[in-house]
Amino acid sequence: MTTTEEVKYSLNTIYFYLTEGCNLKCRHCWIAPKYQVDKNTYSVLPLDLFRSILEQAKPLGLSSVKLTGGEPLLHPHIKKLLECIQQENLNLTVETNGVLCTPELAQSIAACKKPFVSVSLDGANSETHEWMRGVKGCYKDTLLGIQNIVAAGIKPQIIMSIMQHNKDQIEIIIRLAEKLGAGSVKFNVVGPTARGEKMHNSGEIPTIEELVEIGNRVENEFSFSTSLQISYSHPMAFEPLKKIYGNNGNGCNVCGIHGILGVLSDGSYSLCGIGDVIPELNFGHASSDYLEDIWKLTPTLDEIRTGLPDRLEGICGACLMRAKCLGSCLAQNYYKSKNLFAPFWYCEAAYEKGLFPESRLNGHPMEVIK
């Protein structure tokens, strides 16, 4: 086995899935956290374990952390976690539904280094947003949370997950984001994972033809109608070259898998949050295993490092962008087929419908792609 003693990889970012519970019941969630209200509680990552992980990760190259969940702001010690991040001088990303973001919490986030906050807003009105998020009244609270973040000096990213129920509100969401003082808007394609799989099966997600068309409009029409940064979470093969390689190119749809590790709410190390629904993608526990050993000696991580991009299969193996895209999302690939290097569902579906950009193919024969 080739280990990372021979090929060094820096642990750039840890994704902390801080809470097993969530205060909303989103119908599309890819890891399906448990609904948490006052009368019930679920596991959260212990504060001392969080501190220990940061201490162990710094020598491995840690420069940033992402706090997500469940809902990260549900964590009972969220302010202390933020203080730890500030003290360690780490860049911070927070993914939140915004409902619990008080002015005080927003200020604590803003005090960290290079804070970036994404807030989910799935509709331009309460009816749409609350249909998708499953809790009455959450639309108003989300807007208030966004306002608190903006008041703290952060221009948040608004994330809208595309479904049949809201696909006609894309431009309206952009205008709302402008009004709220956001800095960017990202339109997420819902993958066929966990609750998202049920939505795909029930027809609640737009067809691949519709998703590709929406992506084209976002990239070539809506993005030029605003000063906000606009992105769409289709794979890199569908992105304009000027976005990938231009002065403003940001590679926003590449997860950087070589430099990322996940930590679940129970302290398990994982490829990412997918470990909540696929236990075999967990790699040990922070209370009993040294992070350096996990990072350097885990066979699955080594397989990914040595296998990408050459082992990518099907349309992903035939794509000219494979060395940058790296299969888009190996977690979703594995969920679908138990194969890390299987083709990404979006690209495969688009190819089968004749919608995959021919200019991004490297000329592999059809039997290789299939």
Protein backbone atom coordinates (compact mmCIF):
# COMPACT_ATOMS: atom_id res chain seq x y z
CA MET A 1 0.00 0.00 0.00
CA THR A 2 1.24 3.48 -0.86
CA THR A 3 0.84 5.57 2.25
CA THR A 4 0.85 9.30 2.73
CA GLU A 5 4.34 8.94 4.18
CA GLU A 6 5.38 8.72 0.51
CA VAL A 7 2.84 11.18 -0.91
CA LYS A 8 2.14 14.01 1.48
CA TYR A 9 -1.34 15.52 1.76
CA SER A 10 -2.14 18.45 3.99
CA LEU A 11 -5.27 18.31 6.14
CA ASN A 12 -6.57 21.70 5.05
CA THR A 13 -10.12 21.64 6.38
CA ILE A 14 -12.21 19.68 8.86
CA TYR A 15 -15.96 19.52 8.37
CA PHE A 16 -17.51 19.33 11.83
CA TYR A 17 -21.02 17.86 11.77
CA LEU A 18 -21.62 19.22 15.25
CA THR A 19 -25.14 17.98 15.93
CA GLU A 20 -27.11 14.83 15.26
CA GLY A 21 -30.32 16.84 15.55
CA CYS A 22 -31.80 19.69 13.56
CA ASN A 23 -34.51 22.20 14.37
CA LEU A 24 -36.04 21.83 10.89
CA LYS A 25 -37.38 18.83 8.96
CA CYS A 26 -36.05 19.47 5.48
CA ARG A 27 -37.49 17.04 2.96
CA HIS A 28 -34.34 16.96 0.81
CA CYS A 29 -31.52 16.58 3.37
CA TRP A 30 -28.71 14.28 2.22
CA ILE A 31 -27.88 13.01 5.73
CA ALA A 32 -31.34 13.06 7.35
CA PRO A 33 -30.67 14.40 10.88
CA LYS A 34 -33.22 13.83 13.61
CA TYR A 35 -35.79 16.53 14.28
CA GLN A 36 -34.94 18.21 17.58
CA VAL A 37 -37.30 20.28 19.70
CA ASP A 38 -37.12 21.27 23.35
CA LYS A 39 -38.42 17.96 24.64
CA ASN A 40 -35.77 15.84 22.94
CA THR A 41 -32.04 16.10 22.44
CA TYR A 42 -29.53 14.18 20.38
CA SER A 43 -25.78 13.76 20.44
CA VAL A 44 -23.47 16.73 19.92
CA LEU A 45 -19.70 16.77 19.60
CA PRO A 46 -18.18 17.30 23.08
CA LEU A 47 -16.30 20.57 23.54
CA ASP A 48 -13.14 18.89 24.89
CA LEU A 49 -13.06 16.52 21.91
CA PHE A 50 -13.43 19.47 19.55
CA ARG A 51 -10.45 21.19 21.17
CA SER A 52 -8.37 18.02 21.03
CA ILE A 53 -9.09 17.53 17.33
CA LEU A 54 -8.02 21.08 16.53
CA GLU A 55 -4.79 20.64 18.49
CA GLN A 56 -3.98 17.42 16.65
CA ALA A 57 -4.92 18.84 13.26
CA LYS A 58 -2.80 21.99 13.33
CA PRO A 59 0.51 20.13 12.77
CA LEU A 60 -1.12 18.34 9.81
CA GLY A 61 -1.75 21.66 8.08
CA LEU A 62 -5.21 22.67 9.30
CA SER A 63 -6.11 26.17 8.17
CA SER A 64 -9.91 26.19 8.22
CA VAL A 65 -12.97 24.52 9.66
CA LYS A 66 -16.56 24.20 8.55
CA LEU A 67 -19.33 23.99 11.13
CA THR A 68 -22.41 22.21 9.87
CA GLY A 69 -24.87 19.63 11.12
CA GLY A 70 -27.71 18.87 11.60
CA GLU A 71 -27.89 22.49 12.61
CA PRO A 72 -24.58 23.69 14.10
CA LEU A 73 -26.12 26.59 16.02
CA LEU A 74 -28.09 24.04 18.07
CA HIS A 75 -24.87 23.02 19.79
CA PRO A 76 -25.16 24.03 23.48
CA HIS A 77 -21.55 25.31 23.50
CA ILE A 78 -21.52 26.97 20.09
CA LYS A 79 -20.06 30.23 21.45
CA LYS A 80 -17.18 28.36 23.10
CA LEU A 81 -16.55 26.43 19.89
CA LEU A 82 -16.34 29.72 18.02
CA GLU A 83 -13.95 31.07 20.64
CA CYS A 84 -11.70 28.05 20.09
CA ILE A 85 -11.68 28.67 16.35
CA GLN A 86 -10.85 32.33 16.88
CA GLN A 87 -8.04 31.51 19.29
CA GLU A 88 -6.55 29.02 16.84
CA ASN A 89 -6.69 31.66 14.08
CA LEU A 90 -8.56 29.34 11.71
CA ASN A 91 -10.69 30.40 8.77
CA LEU A 92 -14.35 29.68 9.44
CA THR A 93 -17.25 28.51 7.31
CA VAL A 94 -20.71 28.02 8.82
CA GLU A 95 -23.61 26.25 7.10
CA THR A 96 -26.87 27.07 8.86
CA ASN A 97 -30.59 27.40 8.33
CA GLY A 98 -30.32 30.79 10.04
CA VAL A 99 -33.21 30.28 12.45
CA LEU A 100 -31.08 30.39 15.59
CA CYS A 101 -28.64 33.09 14.51
CA THR A 102 -29.08 35.80 17.11
CA PRO A 103 -27.20 39.12 16.97
CA GLU A 104 -24.82 37.76 19.62
CA LEU A 105 -24.04 34.61 17.68
CA ALA A 106 -23.58 36.58 14.49
CA GLN A 107 -21.04 38.79 16.25
CA SER A 108 -19.19 35.71 17.55
CA ILE A 109 -19.00 34.32 14.03
CA ALA A 110 -17.83 37.66 12.66
CA ALA A 111 -14.99 37.75 15.21
CA CYS A 112 -13.39 34.68 13.61
CA LYS A 113 -10.89 34.78 10.77
CA LYS A 114 -12.40 35.17 7.28
CA PRO A 115 -15.91 34.09 8.29
CA PHE A 116 -18.07 32.73 5.48
CA VAL A 117 -21.70 31.92 6.25
CA SER A 118 -24.13 30.03 4.05
CA VAL A 119 -27.82 30.28 4.89
CA SER A 120 -30.46 28.02 3.34
CA LEU A 121 -33.41 29.90 1.88
CA ASP A 122 -35.50 27.71 -0.38
CA GLY A 123 -38.29 30.06 -1.34
CA ALA A 124 -39.09 33.71 -1.77
CA ASN A 125 -42.16 33.36 0.46
CA SER A 126 -43.10 31.53 3.62
CA GLU A 127 -45.33 29.01 1.87
CA THR A 128 -42.55 27.68 -0.37
CA HIS A 129 -39.72 27.79 2.15
CA GLU A 130 -41.73 26.18 4.94
CA TRP A 131 -43.09 23.46 2.64
CA MET A 132 -39.50 22.46 1.98
CA ARG A 133 -38.18 22.97 5.50
CA GLY A 134 -41.09 21.35 7.30
CA VAL A 135 -41.60 23.81 10.21
CA LYS A 136 -44.14 26.62 10.36
CA GLY A 137 -42.73 30.06 11.04
CA CYS A 138 -39.16 29.25 10.03
CA TYR A 139 -39.19 31.59 7.01
CA LYS A 140 -39.49 34.71 9.16
CA ASP A 141 -36.83 33.44 11.55
CA THR A 142 -34.46 32.65 8.68
CA LEU A 143 -34.81 36.15 7.27
CA LEU A 144 -34.12 37.59 10.73
CA GLY A 145 -31.04 35.39 11.05
CA ILE A 146 -29.74 36.65 7.70
CA GLN A 147 -30.34 40.23 8.81
CA ASN A 148 -28.37 39.59 12.00
CA ILE A 149 -25.47 38.15 9.99
CA VAL A 150 -25.43 41.15 7.66
CA ALA A 151 -25.60 43.54 10.63
CA ALA A 152 -22.49 41.83 12.04
CA GLY A 153 -20.57 42.78 8.88
CA ILE A 154 -20.79 39.49 6.96
CA LYS A 155 -22.27 39.20 3.49
CA PRO A 156 -23.72 35.67 3.63
CA GLN A 157 -24.27 33.23 0.82
CA ILE A 158 -27.90 32.31 0.21
CA ILE A 159 -28.35 28.66 -0.78
CA MET A 160 -31.49 27.55 -2.56
CA SER A 161 -32.01 23.84 -3.26
CA ILE A 162 -33.79 23.34 -6.58
CA MET A 163 -37.02 21.34 -6.62
CA GLN A 164 -40.14 21.27 -8.74
CA HIS A 165 -41.82 23.30 -6.01
CA ASN A 166 -39.50 26.32 -6.27
CA LYS A 167 -37.76 26.17 -9.66
CA ASP A 168 -39.70 29.21 -10.88
CA GLN A 169 -38.43 31.40 -8.02
CA ILE A 170 -34.75 31.55 -9.01
CA GLU A 171 -34.71 35.15 -10.17
CA ILE A 172 -36.95 36.23 -7.28
CA ILE A 173 -34.48 34.69 -4.81
CA ILE A 174 -31.65 36.65 -6.42
CA ARG A 175 -33.57 39.89 -5.97
CA LEU A 176 -34.40 38.98 -2.37
CA ALA A 177 -30.73 38.22 -1.69
CA GLU A 178 -29.79 41.64 -3.07
CA LYS A 179 -32.33 43.29 -0.80
CA LEU A 180 -31.14 41.37 2.25
CA GLY A 181 -27.49 42.34 1.70
CA ALA A 182 -26.12 38.91 0.78
CA GLY A 183 -22.85 38.52 -1.08
CA SER A 184 -23.68 35.51 -3.22
CA VAL A 185 -26.36 33.01 -4.15
CA LYS A 186 -25.81 29.32 -4.82
CA PHE A 187 -28.42 27.09 -6.41
CA ASN A 188 -27.99 23.51 -5.25
CA VAL A 189 -28.97 20.45 -7.24
CA VAL A 190 -30.50 17.91 -4.83
CA GLY A 191 -28.66 14.59 -5.08
CA PRO A 192 -30.32 11.16 -4.83
CA THR A 193 -28.99 10.57 -1.31
CA ALA A 194 -31.00 9.83 1.88
CA ARG A 195 -34.12 12.06 1.80
CA GLY A 196 -33.04 13.39 -1.58
CA GLU A 197 -33.30 9.87 -3.00
CA LYS A 198 -36.95 9.72 -2.00
CA MET A 199 -37.60 13.05 -3.69
CA HIS A 200 -35.96 11.86 -6.91
CA ASN A 201 -38.04 8.69 -6.85
CA SER A 202 -41.28 10.64 -6.30
CA GLY A 203 -40.63 13.13 -9.10
CA GLU A 204 -40.24 16.14 -6.80
CA ILE A 205 -36.84 16.96 -8.31
CA PRO A 206 -36.66 18.44 -11.82
CA THR A 207 -35.67 16.04 -14.59
CA ILE A 208 -32.09 16.04 -15.84
CA GLU A 209 -33.25 17.95 -18.90
CA GLU A 210 -34.74 20.63 -16.65
CA LEU A 211 -31.69 20.72 -14.36
CA VAL A 212 -29.31 21.22 -17.27
CA GLU A 213 -31.52 23.96 -18.71
CA ILE A 214 -31.76 25.70 -15.32
CA GLY A 215 -27.97 25.52 -15.03
CA ASN A 216 -27.55 27.11 -18.44
CA ARG A 217 -29.87 29.95 -17.48
CA VAL A 218 -28.13 30.49 -14.14
CA GLU A 219 -24.68 30.54 -15.77
CA ASN A 220 -25.55 32.56 -18.88
CA GLU A 221 -28.51 34.73 -17.92
CA PHE A 222 -29.16 35.19 -14.21
CA SER A 223 -25.49 35.58 -13.27
CA PHE A 224 -25.26 38.63 -15.54
CA SER A 225 -28.35 40.26 -14.05
CA THR A 226 -26.81 41.03 -10.67
CA SER A 227 -23.62 42.17 -8.97
CA LEU A 228 -23.87 39.19 -6.62
CA GLN A 229 -21.74 36.13 -7.24
CA ILE A 230 -24.07 33.44 -8.61
CA SER A 231 -23.29 29.73 -8.84
CA TYR A 232 -25.06 26.49 -9.69
CA SER A 233 -23.94 23.18 -8.25
CA HIS A 234 -23.75 21.18 -11.46
CA PRO A 235 -20.44 19.41 -12.13
CA MET A 236 -17.50 21.29 -13.61
CA ALA A 237 -18.04 19.79 -17.08
CA PHE A 238 -21.15 21.97 -17.35
CA GLU A 239 -19.50 25.21 -16.21
CA PRO A 240 -18.35 27.87 -18.69
CA LEU A 241 -14.57 27.90 -19.20
CA LYS A 242 -14.43 31.58 -18.28
CA LYS A 243 -15.78 30.65 -14.85
CA ILE A 244 -13.26 27.85 -14.33
CA TYR A 245 -10.17 29.58 -15.69
CA GLY A 246 -11.02 33.27 -15.78
CA ASN A 247 -9.94 35.93 -13.32
CA ASN A 248 -13.12 35.35 -11.33
CA GLY A 249 -12.98 31.57 -11.60
CA ASN A 250 -13.38 29.95 -8.20
CA GLY A 251 -13.81 26.22 -8.80
CA CYS A 252 -16.85 26.46 -6.54
CA ASN A 253 -18.13 22.98 -7.38
CA VAL A 254 -14.97 21.11 -6.40
CA CYS A 255 -14.93 19.79 -2.84
CA GLY A 256 -11.14 19.49 -2.41
CA ILE A 257 -11.44 15.92 -1.18
CA HIS A 258 -7.67 15.41 -0.87
CA GLY A 259 -7.48 17.94 1.96
CA ILE A 260 -10.72 17.36 3.86
CA LEU A 261 -11.85 15.13 6.72
CA GLY A 262 -15.23 14.92 8.42
CA VAL A 263 -15.99 14.63 12.13
CA LEU A 264 -19.47 13.45 13.09
CA SER A 265 -21.43 14.52 16.16
CA ASP A 266 -20.52 11.31 18.00
CA GLY A 267 -16.79 11.93 17.46
CA SER A 268 -16.32 9.52 14.56
CA TYR A 269 -13.90 10.45 11.81
CA SER A 270 -15.53 10.15 8.41
CA LEU A 271 -15.08 10.92 4.73
CA CYS A 272 -17.70 13.63 5.30
CA GLY A 273 -21.24 13.71 6.68
CA ILE A 274 -22.06 10.67 4.55
CA GLY A 275 -20.77 8.57 7.45
CA ASP A 276 -24.11 9.18 9.15
CA VAL A 277 -25.84 7.02 6.55
CA ILE A 278 -22.92 4.85 5.35
CA PRO A 279 -21.03 3.60 8.43
CA GLU A 280 -18.24 1.96 6.40
CA LEU A 281 -17.06 5.44 5.44
CA ASN A 282 -16.21 6.15 9.08
CA PHE A 283 -12.55 5.70 10.01
CA GLY A 284 -12.20 5.60 13.78
CA HIS A 285 -13.06 7.78 16.75
CA ALA A 286 -11.55 10.98 18.08
CA SER A 287 -11.63 9.71 21.67
CA SER A 288 -9.50 6.65 20.93
CA ASP A 289 -7.59 7.18 17.68
CA TYR A 290 -4.83 9.65 16.90
CA LEU A 291 -5.85 12.01 14.11
CA GLU A 292 -2.43 11.68 12.48
CA ASP A 293 -2.91 7.91 12.20
CA ILE A 294 -6.38 8.36 10.72
CA TRP A 295 -5.14 10.90 8.21
CA LYS A 296 -2.05 8.99 7.12
CA LEU A 297 -3.00 5.33 7.41
CA THR A 298 -6.70 4.93 6.58
CA PRO A 299 -6.96 2.58 3.56
CA THR A 300 -10.02 4.34 2.10
CA LEU A 301 -8.31 7.73 2.14
CA ASP A 302 -5.23 6.19 0.57
CA GLU A 303 -7.39 4.54 -2.10
CA ILE A 304 -8.91 7.92 -2.96
CA ARG A 305 -5.53 9.66 -3.11
CA THR A 306 -3.91 7.06 -5.32
CA GLY A 307 -7.03 6.38 -7.39
CA LEU A 308 -8.04 9.89 -8.46
CA PRO A 309 -8.52 10.72 -11.23
CA ASP A 310 -7.31 7.64 -13.13
CA ARG A 311 -9.78 5.15 -11.61
CA LEU A 312 -12.88 7.23 -12.33
CA GLU A 313 -15.32 5.19 -14.38
CA GLY A 314 -17.90 5.76 -17.08
CA ILE A 315 -18.56 9.30 -18.21
CA CYS A 316 -16.37 10.71 -15.41
CA GLY A 317 -13.40 8.69 -16.65
CA ALA A 318 -13.97 10.06 -20.16
CA CYS A 319 -14.34 13.70 -19.10
CA LEU A 320 -11.62 16.24 -19.84
CA MET A 321 -12.33 17.91 -16.48
CA ARG A 322 -11.74 14.77 -14.41
CA ALA A 323 -8.39 15.92 -12.99
CA LYS A 324 -10.04 19.04 -11.56
CA CYS A 325 -13.53 17.74 -10.83
CA LEU A 326 -12.35 14.41 -9.30
CA GLY A 327 -15.71 12.72 -9.75
CA SER A 328 -17.68 15.65 -8.31
CA CYS A 329 -18.84 13.90 -5.10
CA LEU A 330 -17.37 10.53 -4.18
CA ALA A 331 -19.75 10.26 -1.23
CA GLN A 332 -22.78 10.34 -3.52
CA ASN A 333 -21.04 8.00 -5.97
CA TYR A 334 -20.50 5.48 -3.19
CA TYR A 335 -24.04 5.87 -1.84
CA LYS A 336 -25.43 4.96 -5.25
CA SER A 337 -23.19 2.01 -6.11
CA LYS A 338 -20.83 1.17 -3.22
CA ASN A 339 -18.06 2.25 -5.58
CA LEU A 340 -16.09 5.44 -4.87
CA PHE A 341 -15.08 5.78 -8.51
CA ALA A 342 -18.48 5.24 -10.10
CA PRO A 343 -19.68 8.01 -12.43
CA PHE A 344 -21.47 10.93 -10.82
CA TRP A 345 -25.24 10.57 -11.17
CA TYR A 346 -25.81 13.99 -12.82
CA CYS A 347 -23.17 13.46 -15.50
CA GLU A 348 -24.33 9.92 -16.17
CA ALA A 349 -27.97 10.98 -16.52
CA ALA A 350 -27.03 13.91 -18.76
CA TYR A 351 -24.89 11.68 -20.98
CA GLU A 352 -27.68 9.14 -21.37
CA LYS A 353 -29.98 11.93 -22.58
CA GLY A 354 -27.38 13.36 -24.98
CA LEU A 355 -26.90 16.46 -22.82
CA PHE A 356 -23.29 16.02 -21.72
CA PRO A 357 -21.11 18.69 -23.41
CA GLU A 358 -19.25 16.97 -26.25
CA SER A 359 -16.42 19.49 -25.93
CA ARG A 360 -15.62 18.07 -22.48
CA LEU A 361 -15.15 14.45 -23.68
CA ASN A 362 -11.70 13.04 -24.37
CA GLY A 363 -12.74 10.71 -27.15
CA HIS A 364 -13.10 7.49 -25.15
CA PRO A 365 -15.09 4.83 -26.99
CA MET A 366 -18.74 4.37 -26.03
CA GLU A 367 -18.16 1.01 -24.37
CA VAL A 368 -15.71 2.64 -21.93
CA ILE A 369 -18.21 5.30 -20.98
CA LYS A 370 -20.95 2.75 -20.46
